[in-house]
Amino acid sequence: MSYRKALLAGKCPACRKGNIFRYPLSSVHRFSAMNHGCPVCGASFEPEPGFYFGSMFITYAFNVAILVVAGVLLYYVWKLPEWLFLALVLLLAVGAMPLSFRMSRILWLYWFGGLYFRGKERNP
């Protein structure tokens, strides 16, 4: 599996096979439950306490980008009334939360987790 496909699918950066999160994104009530380690290769997804603190900045950037684009489209392009505009933006913010939360943690783990794909040497 390629780097991009593994990242978008939420797979382990070390083996690109094991899932980072325990449940699928469709399980809305448990979207934040992560595995402590890779179920396939055993790589740790928690290198140190508080490791994912920095991922909140990525979440913030995702949310700002989503809400600015949606806000411009809803308010200026479709010229919706203010009450409907606010309701739709609020609904979008809450609806995008599970996806932005997961993607920010996956990106943080890939970029700063210290786990690197080793190809066939790593996978028996």
PDB file of N, CA and C in Angstrom:
ATOM      1  N   MET A   1       0.845  -1.168   0.000  1.00  0.00           N
ATOM      2  CA  MET A   1       0.000   0.000   0.000  1.00  0.00           C
ATOM      3  C   MET A   1       0.896   1.239   0.000  1.00  0.00           C
ATOM      4  N   SER A   2       0.530   2.211  -0.777  1.00  0.00           N
ATOM      5  CA  SER A   2       1.339   3.424  -0.875  1.00  0.00           C
ATOM      6  C   SER A   2       1.177   4.280   0.377  1.00  0.00           C
ATOM      7  N   TYR A   3       2.098   5.228   0.553  1.00  0.00           N
ATOM      8  CA  TYR A   3       2.078   6.137   1.698  1.00  0.00           C
ATOM      9  C   TYR A   3       0.762   6.886   1.764  1.00  0.00           C
ATOM     10  N   ARG A   4       0.332   7.452   0.655  1.00  0.00           N
ATOM     11  CA  ARG A   4      -0.890   8.258   0.617  1.00  0.00           C
ATOM     12  C   ARG A   4      -2.126   7.422   0.933  1.00  0.00           C
ATOM     13  N   LYS A   5      -2.213   6.215   0.358  1.00  0.00           N
ATOM     14  CA  LYS A   5      -3.368   5.351   0.620  1.00  0.00           C
ATOM     15  C   LYS A   5      -3.402   4.906   2.075  1.00  0.00           C
ATOM     16  N   ALA A   6      -2.239   4.575   2.638  1.00  0.00           N
ATOM     17  CA  ALA A   6      -2.182   4.155   4.037  1.00  0.00           C
ATOM     18  C   ALA A   6      -2.569   5.304   4.957  1.00  0.00           C
ATOM     19  N   LEU A   7      -2.111   6.503   4.648  1.00  0.00           N
ATOM     20  CA  LEU A   7      -2.447   7.671   5.464  1.00  0.00           C
ATOM     21  C   LEU A   7      -3.945   7.941   5.422  1.00  0.00           C
ATOM     22  N   LEU A   8      -4.531   7.958   4.254  1.00  0.00           N
ATOM     23  CA  LEU A   8      -5.957   8.237   4.123  1.00  0.00           C
ATOM     24  C   LEU A   8      -6.825   7.129   4.708  1.00  0.00           C
ATOM     25  N   ALA A   9      -6.324   5.890   4.709  1.00  0.00           N
ATOM     26  CA  ALA A   9      -7.085   4.768   5.272  1.00  0.00           C
ATOM     27  C   ALA A   9      -6.879   4.627   6.771  1.00  0.00           C
ATOM     28  N   GLY A  10      -5.945   5.393   7.350  1.00  0.00           N
ATOM     29  CA  GLY A  10      -5.694   5.311   8.788  1.00  0.00           C
ATOM     30  C   GLY A  10      -4.943   4.062   9.185  1.00  0.00           C
ATOM     31  N   LYS A  11      -3.980   3.665   8.376  1.00  0.00           N
ATOM     32  CA  LYS A  11      -3.183   2.468   8.648  1.00  0.00           C
ATOM     33  C   LYS A  11      -1.886   2.840   9.356  1.00  0.00           C
ATOM     34  N   CYS A  12      -1.277   1.874   9.989  1.00  0.00           N
ATOM     35  CA  CYS A  12      -0.028   2.044  10.733  1.00  0.00           C
ATOM     36  C   CYS A  12       1.082   2.571   9.814  1.00  0.00           C
ATOM     37  N   PRO A  13       1.834   3.580  10.250  1.00  0.00           N
ATOM     38  CA  PRO A  13       2.920   4.087   9.411  1.00  0.00           C
ATOM     39  C   PRO A  13       4.070   3.097   9.246  1.00  0.00           C
ATOM     40  N   ALA A  14       4.231   2.165  10.184  1.00  0.00           N
ATOM     41  CA  ALA A  14       5.353   1.236  10.135  1.00  0.00           C
ATOM     42  C   ALA A  14       5.104   0.057   9.193  1.00  0.00           C
ATOM     43  N   CYS A  15       3.901  -0.516   9.218  1.00  0.00           N
ATOM     44  CA  CYS A  15       3.631  -1.677   8.367  1.00  0.00           C
ATOM     45  C   CYS A  15       2.592  -1.398   7.288  1.00  0.00           C
ATOM     46  N   ARG A  16       1.829  -0.335   7.457  1.00  0.00           N
ATOM     47  CA  ARG A  16       0.771   0.075   6.532  1.00  0.00           C
ATOM     48  C   ARG A  16      -0.329  -0.975   6.398  1.00  0.00           C
ATOM     49  N   LYS A  17      -0.512  -1.783   7.441  1.00  0.00           N
ATOM     50  CA  LYS A  17      -1.559  -2.811   7.421  1.00  0.00           C
ATOM     51  C   LYS A  17      -2.522  -2.683   8.591  1.00  0.00           C
ATOM     52  N   GLY A  18      -2.012  -2.462   9.790  1.00  0.00           N
ATOM     53  CA  GLY A  18      -2.861  -2.390  10.978  1.00  0.00           C
ATOM     54  C   GLY A  18      -3.598  -1.063  11.080  1.00  0.00           C
ATOM     55  N   ASN A  19      -4.767  -1.096  11.679  1.00  0.00           N
ATOM     56  CA  ASN A  19      -5.573   0.111  11.849  1.00  0.00           C
ATOM     57  C   ASN A  19      -5.103   0.925  13.050  1.00  0.00           C
ATOM     58  N   ILE A  20      -5.075   2.234  12.905  1.00  0.00           N
ATOM     59  CA  ILE A  20      -4.725   3.126  14.006  1.00  0.00           C
ATOM     60  C   ILE A  20      -5.910   3.250  14.960  1.00  0.00           C
ATOM     61  N   PHE A  21      -7.119   3.335  14.426  1.00  0.00           N
ATOM     62  CA  PHE A  21      -8.309   3.479  15.249  1.00  0.00           C
ATOM     63  C   PHE A  21      -9.037   2.144  15.380  1.00  0.00           C
ATOM     64  N   ARG A  22      -9.662   1.930  16.526  1.00  0.00           N
ATOM     65  CA  ARG A  22     -10.322   0.660  16.819  1.00  0.00           C
ATOM     66  C   ARG A  22     -11.594   0.449  16.006  1.00  0.00           C
ATOM     67  N   TYR A  23     -12.354   1.497  15.791  1.00  0.00           N
ATOM     68  CA  TYR A  23     -13.660   1.380  15.159  1.00  0.00           C
ATOM     69  C   TYR A  23     -13.684   2.197  13.876  1.00  0.00           C
ATOM     70  N   PRO A  24     -14.564   1.835  12.933  1.00  0.00           N
ATOM     71  CA  PRO A  24     -14.666   2.630  11.701  1.00  0.00           C
ATOM     72  C   PRO A  24     -15.248   4.013  11.989  1.00  0.00           C
ATOM     73  N   LEU A  25     -15.059   4.921  11.079  1.00  0.00           N
ATOM     74  CA  LEU A  25     -15.539   6.292  11.231  1.00  0.00           C
ATOM     75  C   LEU A  25     -17.063   6.336  11.324  1.00  0.00           C
ATOM     76  N   SER A  26     -17.737   5.349  10.764  1.00  0.00           N
ATOM     77  CA  SER A  26     -19.193   5.310  10.821  1.00  0.00           C
ATOM     78  C   SER A  26     -19.712   5.069  12.241  1.00  0.00           C
ATOM     79  N   SER A  27     -18.866   4.582  13.131  1.00  0.00           N
ATOM     80  CA  SER A  27     -19.243   4.407  14.529  1.00  0.00           C
ATOM     81  C   SER A  27     -19.018   5.739  15.247  1.00  0.00           C
ATOM     82  N   VAL A  28     -19.983   6.624  15.125  1.00  0.00           N
ATOM     83  CA  VAL A  28     -19.833   8.016  15.542  1.00  0.00           C
ATOM     84  C   VAL A  28     -19.567   8.154  17.041  1.00  0.00           C
ATOM     85  N   HIS A  29     -20.144   7.320  17.860  1.00  0.00           N
ATOM     86  CA  HIS A  29     -19.979   7.445  19.312  1.00  0.00           C
ATOM     87  C   HIS A  29     -18.593   7.013  19.785  1.00  0.00           C
ATOM     88  N   ARG A  30     -17.874   6.257  18.964  1.00  0.00           N
ATOM     89  CA  ARG A  30     -16.545   5.772  19.358  1.00  0.00           C
ATOM     90  C   ARG A  30     -15.474   6.179  18.348  1.00  0.00           C
ATOM     91  N   PHE A  31     -15.642   7.327  17.724  1.00  0.00           N
ATOM     92  CA  PHE A  31     -14.713   7.740  16.663  1.00  0.00           C
ATOM     93  C   PHE A  31     -13.312   8.031  17.182  1.00  0.00           C
ATOM     94  N   SER A  32     -13.154   8.328  18.475  1.00  0.00           N
ATOM     95  CA  SER A  32     -11.845   8.720  18.998  1.00  0.00           C
ATOM     96  C   SER A  32     -11.054   7.576  19.618  1.00  0.00           C
ATOM     97  N   ALA A  33     -11.612   6.382  19.674  1.00  0.00           N
ATOM     98  CA  ALA A  33     -10.920   5.250  20.313  1.00  0.00           C
ATOM     99  C   ALA A  33      -9.781   4.753  19.427  1.00  0.00           C
ATOM    100  N   MET A  34      -8.552   4.896  19.942  1.00  0.00           N
ATOM    101  CA  MET A  34      -7.361   4.471  19.202  1.00  0.00           C
ATOM    102  C   MET A  34      -6.797   3.183  19.790  1.00  0.00           C
ATOM    103  N   ASN A  35      -6.129   2.410  18.949  1.00  0.00           N
ATOM    104  CA  ASN A  35      -5.347   1.280  19.439  1.00  0.00           C
ATOM    105  C   ASN A  35      -4.083   1.835  20.093  1.00  0.00           C
ATOM    106  N   HIS A  36      -3.616   1.190  21.149  1.00  0.00           N
ATOM    107  CA  HIS A  36      -2.377   1.639  21.797  1.00  0.00           C
ATOM    108  C   HIS A  36      -1.157   1.272  20.964  1.00  0.00           C
ATOM    109  N   GLY A  37      -1.296   0.210  20.207  1.00  0.00           N
ATOM    110  CA  GLY A  37      -0.228  -0.226  19.321  1.00  0.00           C
ATOM    111  C   GLY A  37      -0.821  -0.866  18.086  1.00  0.00           C
ATOM    112  N   CYS A  38       0.006  -1.095  17.096  1.00  0.00           N
ATOM    113  CA  CYS A  38      -0.459  -1.705  15.853  1.00  0.00           C
ATOM    114  C   CYS A  38      -0.806  -3.169  16.102  1.00  0.00           C
ATOM    115  N   PRO A  39      -1.997  -3.603  15.695  1.00  0.00           N
ATOM    116  CA  PRO A  39      -2.362  -5.002  15.885  1.00  0.00           C
ATOM    117  C   PRO A  39      -1.574  -5.954  14.983  1.00  0.00           C
ATOM    118  N   VAL A  40      -0.915  -5.441  13.957  1.00  0.00           N
ATOM    119  CA  VAL A  40      -0.160  -6.290  13.038  1.00  0.00           C
ATOM    120  C   VAL A  40       1.320  -6.365  13.415  1.00  0.00           C
ATOM    121  N   CYS A  41       1.985  -5.211  13.549  1.00  0.00           N
ATOM    122  CA  CYS A  41       3.434  -5.207  13.788  1.00  0.00           C
ATOM    123  C   CYS A  41       3.823  -4.832  15.215  1.00  0.00           C
ATOM    124  N   GLY A  42       2.874  -4.347  16.005  1.00  0.00           N
ATOM    125  CA  GLY A  42       3.164  -4.013  17.391  1.00  0.00           C
ATOM    126  C   GLY A  42       3.771  -2.637  17.619  1.00  0.00           C
ATOM    127  N   ALA A  43       3.872  -1.806  16.608  1.00  0.00           N
ATOM    128  CA  ALA A  43       4.429  -0.455  16.764  1.00  0.00           C
ATOM    129  C   ALA A  43       3.533   0.363  17.692  1.00  0.00           C
ATOM    130  N   SER A  44       4.144   1.157  18.557  1.00  0.00           N
ATOM    131  CA  SER A  44       3.388   1.958  19.520  1.00  0.00           C
ATOM    132  C   SER A  44       2.833   3.208  18.864  1.00  0.00           C
ATOM    133  N   PHE A  45       1.543   3.455  19.095  1.00  0.00           N
ATOM    134  CA  PHE A  45       0.902   4.661  18.585  1.00  0.00           C
ATOM    135  C   PHE A  45       0.918   5.784  19.615  1.00  0.00           C
ATOM    136  N   GLU A  46       1.479   5.548  20.783  1.00  0.00           N
ATOM    137  CA  GLU A  46       1.608   6.553  21.826  1.00  0.00           C
ATOM    138  C   GLU A  46       3.063   6.638  22.271  1.00  0.00           C
ATOM    139  N   PRO A  47       3.893   7.360  21.502  1.00  0.00           N
ATOM    140  CA  PRO A  47       5.319   7.428  21.828  1.00  0.00           C
ATOM    141  C   PRO A  47       5.621   8.026  23.201  1.00  0.00           C
ATOM    142  N   GLU A  48       4.785   8.960  23.667  1.00  0.00           N
ATOM    143  CA  GLU A  48       5.001   9.595  24.966  1.00  0.00           C
ATOM    144  C   GLU A  48       3.676  10.178  25.451  1.00  0.00           C
ATOM    145  N   PRO A  49       3.547  10.408  26.754  1.00  0.00           N
ATOM    146  CA  PRO A  49       2.307  11.019  27.257  1.00  0.00           C
ATOM    147  C   PRO A  49       2.114  12.420  26.668  1.00  0.00           C
ATOM    148  N   GLY A  50       0.895  12.711  26.271  1.00  0.00           N
ATOM    149  CA  GLY A  50       0.583  14.019  25.698  1.00  0.00           C
ATOM    150  C   GLY A  50       1.060  14.192  24.268  1.00  0.00           C
ATOM    151  N   PHE A  51       1.403  13.101  23.603  1.00  0.00           N
ATOM    152  CA  PHE A  51       1.946  13.172  22.247  1.00  0.00           C
ATOM    153  C   PHE A  51       0.991  13.864  21.285  1.00  0.00           C
ATOM    154  N   TYR A  52      -0.295  13.603  21.395  1.00  0.00           N
ATOM    155  CA  TYR A  52      -1.260  14.129  20.432  1.00  0.00           C
ATOM    156  C   TYR A  52      -1.737  15.545  20.750  1.00  0.00           C
ATOM    157  N   PHE A  53      -1.145  16.184  21.733  1.00  0.00           N
ATOM    158  CA  PHE A  53      -1.503  17.561  22.058  1.00  0.00           C
ATOM    159  C   PHE A  53      -1.308  18.473  20.845  1.00  0.00           C
ATOM    160  N   GLY A  54      -0.261  18.281  20.107  1.00  0.00           N
ATOM    161  CA  GLY A  54       0.026  19.119  18.942  1.00  0.00           C
ATOM    162  C   GLY A  54      -0.939  18.911  17.790  1.00  0.00           C
ATOM    163  N   SER A  55      -1.617  17.775  17.776  1.00  0.00           N
ATOM    164  CA  SER A  55      -2.542  17.518  16.673  1.00  0.00           C
ATOM    165  C   SER A  55      -3.759  18.440  16.712  1.00  0.00           C
ATOM    166  N   MET A  56      -3.997  19.074  17.868  1.00  0.00           N
ATOM    167  CA  MET A  56      -5.139  19.980  17.937  1.00  0.00           C
ATOM    168  C   MET A  56      -4.935  21.198  17.031  1.00  0.00           C
ATOM    169  N   PHE A  57      -3.692  21.564  16.748  1.00  0.00           N
ATOM    170  CA  PHE A  57      -3.434  22.674  15.838  1.00  0.00           C
ATOM    171  C   PHE A  57      -3.800  22.298  14.400  1.00  0.00           C
ATOM    172  N   ILE A  58      -3.581  21.040  14.052  1.00  0.00           N
ATOM    173  CA  ILE A  58      -3.982  20.560  12.727  1.00  0.00           C
ATOM    174  C   ILE A  58      -5.506  20.518  12.644  1.00  0.00           C
ATOM    175  N   THR A  59      -6.165  20.067  13.707  1.00  0.00           N
ATOM    176  CA  THR A  59      -7.623  20.051  13.745  1.00  0.00           C
ATOM    177  C   THR A  59      -8.173  21.461  13.578  1.00  0.00           C
ATOM    178  N   TYR A  60      -7.571  22.398  14.265  1.00  0.00           N
ATOM    179  CA  TYR A  60      -7.993  23.804  14.157  1.00  0.00           C
ATOM    180  C   TYR A  60      -7.861  24.293  12.709  1.00  0.00           C
ATOM    181  N   ALA A  61      -6.750  23.989  12.063  1.00  0.00           N
ATOM    182  CA  ALA A  61      -6.539  24.410  10.673  1.00  0.00           C
ATOM    183  C   ALA A  61      -7.572  23.773   9.740  1.00  0.00           C
ATOM    184  N   PHE A  62      -7.852  22.480   9.939  1.00  0.00           N
ATOM    185  CA  PHE A  62      -8.887  21.818   9.133  1.00  0.00           C
ATOM    186  C   PHE A  62     -10.238  22.507   9.309  1.00  0.00           C
ATOM    187  N   ASN A  63     -10.603  22.751  10.564  1.00  0.00           N
ATOM    188  CA  ASN A  63     -11.912  23.344  10.838  1.00  0.00           C
ATOM    189  C   ASN A  63     -12.026  24.759  10.276  1.00  0.00           C
ATOM    190  N   VAL A  64     -10.975  25.549  10.396  1.00  0.00           N
ATOM    191  CA  VAL A  64     -11.005  26.905   9.837  1.00  0.00           C
ATOM    192  C   VAL A  64     -11.165  26.835   8.321  1.00  0.00           C
ATOM    193  N   ALA A  65     -10.416  25.970   7.669  1.00  0.00           N
ATOM    194  CA  ALA A  65     -10.508  25.852   6.211  1.00  0.00           C
ATOM    195  C   ALA A  65     -11.907  25.414   5.774  1.00  0.00           C
ATOM    196  N   ILE A  66     -12.453  24.413   6.445  1.00  0.00           N
ATOM    197  CA  ILE A  66     -13.789  23.923   6.100  1.00  0.00           C
ATOM    198  C   ILE A  66     -14.832  25.012   6.302  1.00  0.00           C
ATOM    199  N   LEU A  67     -14.765  25.695   7.433  1.00  0.00           N
ATOM    200  CA  LEU A  67     -15.793  26.695   7.745  1.00  0.00           C
ATOM    201  C   LEU A  67     -15.666  27.960   6.904  1.00  0.00           C
ATOM    202  N   VAL A  68     -14.461  28.346   6.535  1.00  0.00           N
ATOM    203  CA  VAL A  68     -14.310  29.520   5.671  1.00  0.00           C
ATOM    204  C   VAL A  68     -14.859  29.222   4.275  1.00  0.00           C
ATOM    205  N   VAL A  69     -14.509  28.078   3.726  1.00  0.00           N
ATOM    206  CA  VAL A  69     -15.020  27.725   2.394  1.00  0.00           C
ATOM    207  C   VAL A  69     -16.538  27.590   2.426  1.00  0.00           C
ATOM    208  N   ALA A  70     -17.053  26.876   3.422  1.00  0.00           N
ATOM    209  CA  ALA A  70     -18.509  26.709   3.522  1.00  0.00           C
ATOM    210  C   ALA A  70     -19.194  28.043   3.776  1.00  0.00           C
ATOM    211  N   GLY A  71     -18.602  28.880   4.617  1.00  0.00           N
ATOM    212  CA  GLY A  71     -19.193  30.179   4.912  1.00  0.00           C
ATOM    213  C   GLY A  71     -19.282  31.068   3.692  1.00  0.00           C
ATOM    214  N   VAL A  72     -18.220  31.102   2.917  1.00  0.00           N
ATOM    215  CA  VAL A  72     -18.224  31.917   1.696  1.00  0.00           C
ATOM    216  C   VAL A  72     -19.261  31.400   0.710  1.00  0.00           C
ATOM    217  N   LEU A  73     -19.302  30.073   0.535  1.00  0.00           N
ATOM    218  CA  LEU A  73     -20.280  29.507  -0.400  1.00  0.00           C
ATOM    219  C   LEU A  73     -21.711  29.760   0.061  1.00  0.00           C
ATOM    220  N   LEU A  74     -21.981  29.514   1.319  1.00  0.00           N
ATOM    221  CA  LEU A  74     -23.349  29.655   1.817  1.00  0.00           C
ATOM    222  C   LEU A  74     -23.816  31.109   1.862  1.00  0.00           C
ATOM    223  N   TYR A  75     -22.933  31.988   2.240  1.00  0.00           N
ATOM    224  CA  TYR A  75     -23.360  33.376   2.450  1.00  0.00           C
ATOM    225  C   TYR A  75     -23.310  34.221   1.179  1.00  0.00           C
ATOM    226  N   TYR A  76     -22.226  34.105   0.432  1.00  0.00           N
ATOM    227  CA  TYR A  76     -22.059  34.977  -0.734  1.00  0.00           C
ATOM    228  C   TYR A  76     -22.548  34.359  -2.038  1.00  0.00           C
ATOM    229  N   VAL A  77     -22.359  33.057  -2.203  1.00  0.00           N
ATOM    230  CA  VAL A  77     -22.763  32.436  -3.466  1.00  0.00           C
ATOM    231  C   VAL A  77     -24.252  32.122  -3.469  1.00  0.00           C
ATOM    232  N   TRP A  78     -24.734  31.464  -2.400  1.00  0.00           N
ATOM    233  CA  TRP A  78     -26.146  31.095  -2.359  1.00  0.00           C
ATOM    234  C   TRP A  78     -27.013  32.135  -1.654  1.00  0.00           C
ATOM    235  N   LYS A  79     -26.409  33.111  -1.025  1.00  0.00           N
ATOM    236  CA  LYS A  79     -27.112  34.225  -0.381  1.00  0.00           C
ATOM    237  C   LYS A  79     -28.247  33.759   0.540  1.00  0.00           C
ATOM    238  N   LEU A  80     -27.884  32.879   1.460  1.00  0.00           N
ATOM    239  CA  LEU A  80     -28.853  32.366   2.423  1.00  0.00           C
ATOM    240  C   LEU A  80     -29.111  33.384   3.524  1.00  0.00           C
ATOM    241  N   PRO A  81     -30.287  33.345   4.135  1.00  0.00           N
ATOM    242  CA  PRO A  81     -30.541  34.223   5.276  1.00  0.00           C
ATOM    243  C   PRO A  81     -29.607  33.873   6.442  1.00  0.00           C
ATOM    244  N   GLU A  82     -29.383  34.842   7.319  1.00  0.00           N
ATOM    245  CA  GLU A  82     -28.393  34.672   8.387  1.00  0.00           C
ATOM    246  C   GLU A  82     -28.701  33.507   9.307  1.00  0.00           C
ATOM    247  N   TRP A  83     -29.954  33.301   9.682  1.00  0.00           N
ATOM    248  CA  TRP A  83     -30.294  32.210  10.602  1.00  0.00           C
ATOM    249  C   TRP A  83     -30.013  30.854   9.970  1.00  0.00           C
ATOM    250  N   LEU A  84     -30.315  30.702   8.686  1.00  0.00           N
ATOM    251  CA  LEU A  84     -30.047  29.444   7.992  1.00  0.00           C
ATOM    252  C   LEU A  84     -28.545  29.250   7.788  1.00  0.00           C
ATOM    253  N   PHE A  85     -27.863  30.342   7.481  1.00  0.00           N
ATOM    254  CA  PHE A  85     -26.412  30.301   7.337  1.00  0.00           C
ATOM    255  C   PHE A  85     -25.753  29.801   8.625  1.00  0.00           C
ATOM    256  N   LEU A  86     -26.113  30.394   9.757  1.00  0.00           N
ATOM    257  CA  LEU A  86     -25.533  29.996  11.039  1.00  0.00           C
ATOM    258  C   LEU A  86     -25.869  28.551  11.393  1.00  0.00           C
ATOM    259  N   ALA A  87     -27.095  28.142  11.130  1.00  0.00           N
ATOM    260  CA  ALA A  87     -27.497  26.762  11.423  1.00  0.00           C
ATOM    261  C   ALA A  87     -26.702  25.767  10.583  1.00  0.00           C
ATOM    262  N   LEU A  88     -26.536  26.044   9.300  1.00  0.00           N
ATOM    263  CA  LEU A  88     -25.796  25.129   8.428  1.00  0.00           C
ATOM    264  C   LEU A  88     -24.308  25.090   8.774  1.00  0.00           C
ATOM    265  N   VAL A  89     -23.722  26.227   9.101  1.00  0.00           N
ATOM    266  CA  VAL A  89     -22.308  26.259   9.478  1.00  0.00           C
ATOM    267  C   VAL A  89     -22.094  25.497  10.782  1.00  0.00           C
ATOM    268  N   LEU A  90     -22.983  25.665  11.745  1.00  0.00           N
ATOM    269  CA  LEU A  90     -22.888  24.925  13.000  1.00  0.00           C
ATOM    270  C   LEU A  90     -23.036  23.428  12.774  1.00  0.00           C
ATOM    271  N   LEU A  91     -23.984  23.041  11.942  1.00  0.00           N
ATOM    272  CA  LEU A  91     -24.179  21.629  11.611  1.00  0.00           C
ATOM    273  C   LEU A  91     -22.952  21.059  10.909  1.00  0.00           C
ATOM    274  N   LEU A  92     -22.376  21.804  10.011  1.00  0.00           N
ATOM    275  CA  LEU A  92     -21.166  21.363   9.314  1.00  0.00           C
ATOM    276  C   LEU A  92     -19.987  21.226  10.272  1.00  0.00           C
ATOM    277  N   ALA A  93     -19.847  22.157  11.197  1.00  0.00           N
ATOM    278  CA  ALA A  93     -18.746  22.097  12.168  1.00  0.00           C
ATOM    279  C   ALA A  93     -18.847  20.849  13.037  1.00  0.00           C
ATOM    280  N   VAL A  94     -20.031  20.557  13.510  1.00  0.00           N
ATOM    281  CA  VAL A  94     -20.227  19.369  14.339  1.00  0.00           C
ATOM    282  C   VAL A  94     -20.079  18.096  13.506  1.00  0.00           C
ATOM    283  N   GLY A  95     -20.596  18.115  12.288  1.00  0.00           N
ATOM    284  CA  GLY A  95     -20.501  16.938  11.415  1.00  0.00           C
ATOM    285  C   GLY A  95     -19.092  16.619  10.960  1.00  0.00           C
ATOM    286  N   ALA A  96     -18.258  17.632  10.801  1.00  0.00           N
ATOM    287  CA  ALA A  96     -16.880  17.415  10.339  1.00  0.00           C
ATOM    288  C   ALA A  96     -15.925  17.053  11.468  1.00  0.00           C
ATOM    289  N   MET A  97     -16.375  17.163  12.715  1.00  0.00           N
ATOM    290  CA  MET A  97     -15.493  16.938  13.861  1.00  0.00           C
ATOM    291  C   MET A  97     -14.855  15.545  13.872  1.00  0.00           C
ATOM    292  N   PRO A  98     -15.598  14.447  13.697  1.00  0.00           N
ATOM    293  CA  PRO A  98     -14.934  13.134  13.739  1.00  0.00           C
ATOM    294  C   PRO A  98     -13.856  12.974  12.667  1.00  0.00           C
ATOM    295  N   LEU A  99     -14.134  13.436  11.464  1.00  0.00           N
ATOM    296  CA  LEU A  99     -13.159  13.298  10.383  1.00  0.00           C
ATOM    297  C   LEU A  99     -11.925  14.164  10.618  1.00  0.00           C
ATOM    298  N   SER A 100     -12.106  15.399  11.034  1.00  0.00           N
ATOM    299  CA  SER A 100     -10.955  16.275  11.262  1.00  0.00           C
ATOM    300  C   SER A 100     -10.133  15.796  12.464  1.00  0.00           C
ATOM    301  N   PHE A 101     -10.795  15.274  13.501  1.00  0.00           N
ATOM    302  CA  PHE A 101     -10.098  14.722  14.655  1.00  0.00           C
ATOM    303  C   PHE A 101      -9.203  13.560  14.240  1.00  0.00           C
ATOM    304  N   ARG A 102      -9.773  12.628  13.494  1.00  0.00           N
ATOM    305  CA  ARG A 102      -9.002  11.454  13.066  1.00  0.00           C
ATOM    306  C   ARG A 102      -7.850  11.823  12.135  1.00  0.00           C
ATOM    307  N   MET A 103      -8.136  12.644  11.148  1.00  0.00           N
ATOM    308  CA  MET A 103      -7.089  12.980  10.184  1.00  0.00           C
ATOM    309  C   MET A 103      -5.954  13.754  10.843  1.00  0.00           C
ATOM    310  N   SER A 104      -6.257  14.608  11.806  1.00  0.00           N
ATOM    311  CA  SER A 104      -5.190  15.348  12.477  1.00  0.00           C
ATOM    312  C   SER A 104      -4.310  14.404  13.295  1.00  0.00           C
ATOM    313  N   ARG A 105      -4.897  13.425  13.968  1.00  0.00           N
ATOM    314  CA  ARG A 105      -4.099  12.468  14.733  1.00  0.00           C
ATOM    315  C   ARG A 105      -3.273  11.566  13.815  1.00  0.00           C
ATOM    316  N   ILE A 106      -3.855  11.152  12.711  1.00  0.00           N
ATOM    317  CA  ILE A 106      -3.112  10.316  11.758  1.00  0.00           C
ATOM    318  C   ILE A 106      -1.936  11.095  11.187  1.00  0.00           C
ATOM    319  N   LEU A 107      -2.168  12.336  10.762  1.00  0.00           N
ATOM    320  CA  LEU A 107      -1.074  13.157  10.229  1.00  0.00           C
ATOM    321  C   LEU A 107       0.007  13.387  11.283  1.00  0.00           C
ATOM    322  N   TRP A 108      -0.383  13.672  12.520  1.00  0.00           N
ATOM    323  CA  TRP A 108       0.592  13.907  13.585  1.00  0.00           C
ATOM    324  C   TRP A 108       1.441  12.656  13.819  1.00  0.00           C
ATOM    325  N   LEU A 109       0.800  11.494  13.819  1.00  0.00           N
ATOM    326  CA  LEU A 109       1.543  10.246  14.012  1.00  0.00           C
ATOM    327  C   LEU A 109       2.488   9.982  12.843  1.00  0.00           C
ATOM    328  N   TYR A 110       2.039  10.219  11.636  1.00  0.00           N
ATOM    329  CA  TYR A 110       2.888  10.005  10.463  1.00  0.00           C
ATOM    330  C   TYR A 110       4.070  10.973  10.442  1.00  0.00           C
ATOM    331  N   TRP A 111       3.836  12.226  10.795  1.00  0.00           N
ATOM    332  CA  TRP A 111       4.887  13.232  10.699  1.00  0.00           C
ATOM    333  C   TRP A 111       5.849  13.211  11.880  1.00  0.00           C
ATOM    334  N   PHE A 112       5.336  13.008  13.088  1.00  0.00           N
ATOM    335  CA  PHE A 112       6.169  13.162  14.274  1.00  0.00           C
ATOM    336  C   PHE A 112       6.247  11.922  15.158  1.00  0.00           C
ATOM    337  N   GLY A 113       5.677  10.815  14.751  1.00  0.00           N
ATOM    338  CA  GLY A 113       5.632   9.618  15.588  1.00  0.00           C
ATOM    339  C   GLY A 113       6.900   8.789  15.589  1.00  0.00           C
ATOM    340  N   GLY A 114       7.804   9.050  14.677  1.00  0.00           N
ATOM    341  CA  GLY A 114       9.048   8.291  14.627  1.00  0.00           C
ATOM    342  C   GLY A 114       8.889   6.883  14.070  1.00  0.00           C
ATOM    343  N   LEU A 115       7.784   6.612  13.391  1.00  0.00           N
ATOM    344  CA  LEU A 115       7.549   5.297  12.784  1.00  0.00           C
ATOM    345  C   LEU A 115       7.758   5.420  11.281  1.00  0.00           C
ATOM    346  N   TYR A 116       8.573   4.545  10.754  1.00  0.00           N
ATOM    347  CA  TYR A 116       8.909   4.607   9.327  1.00  0.00           C
ATOM    348  C   TYR A 116       8.663   3.260   8.677  1.00  0.00           C
ATOM    349  N   PHE A 117       8.176   3.281   7.470  1.00  0.00           N
ATOM    350  CA  PHE A 117       7.907   2.054   6.713  1.00  0.00           C
ATOM    351  C   PHE A 117       9.208   1.390   6.327  1.00  0.00           C
ATOM    352  N   ARG A 118       9.302   0.134   6.621  1.00  0.00           N
ATOM    353  CA  ARG A 118      10.526  -0.608   6.331  1.00  0.00           C
ATOM    354  C   ARG A 118      10.315  -1.668   5.245  1.00  0.00           C
ATOM    355  N   GLY A 119       9.181  -1.689   4.656  1.00  0.00           N
ATOM    356  CA  GLY A 119       8.926  -2.648   3.592  1.00  0.00           C
ATOM    357  C   GLY A 119       8.825  -4.065   4.103  1.00  0.00           C
ATOM    358  N   LYS A 120       9.416  -4.992   3.376  1.00  0.00           N
ATOM    359  CA  LYS A 120       9.282  -6.402   3.705  1.00  0.00           C
ATOM    360  C   LYS A 120      10.094  -6.821   4.927  1.00  0.00           C
ATOM    361  N   GLU A 121      11.154  -6.075   5.309  1.00  0.00           N
ATOM    362  CA  GLU A 121      11.928  -6.434   6.494  1.00  0.00           C
ATOM    363  C   GLU A 121      11.071  -6.360   7.748  1.00  0.00           C
ATOM    364  N   ARG A 122      10.177  -5.376   7.785  1.00  0.00           N
ATOM    365  CA  ARG A 122       9.345  -5.140   8.976  1.00  0.00           C
ATOM    366  C   ARG A 122       8.181  -6.124   9.056  1.00  0.00           C
ATOM    367  N   ASN A 123       7.682  -6.565   7.904  1.00  0.00           N
ATOM    368  CA  ASN A 123       6.519  -7.441   7.868  1.00  0.00           C
ATOM    369  C   ASN A 123       6.953  -8.885   7.624  1.00  0.00           C
ATOM    370  N   PRO A 124       6.695  -9.786   8.565  1.00  0.00           N
ATOM    371  CA  PRO A 124       7.080 -11.193   8.359  1.00  0.00           C
ATOM    372  C   PRO A 124       6.240 -11.867   7.316  1.00  0.00           C
TER     373      PRO A 124
END
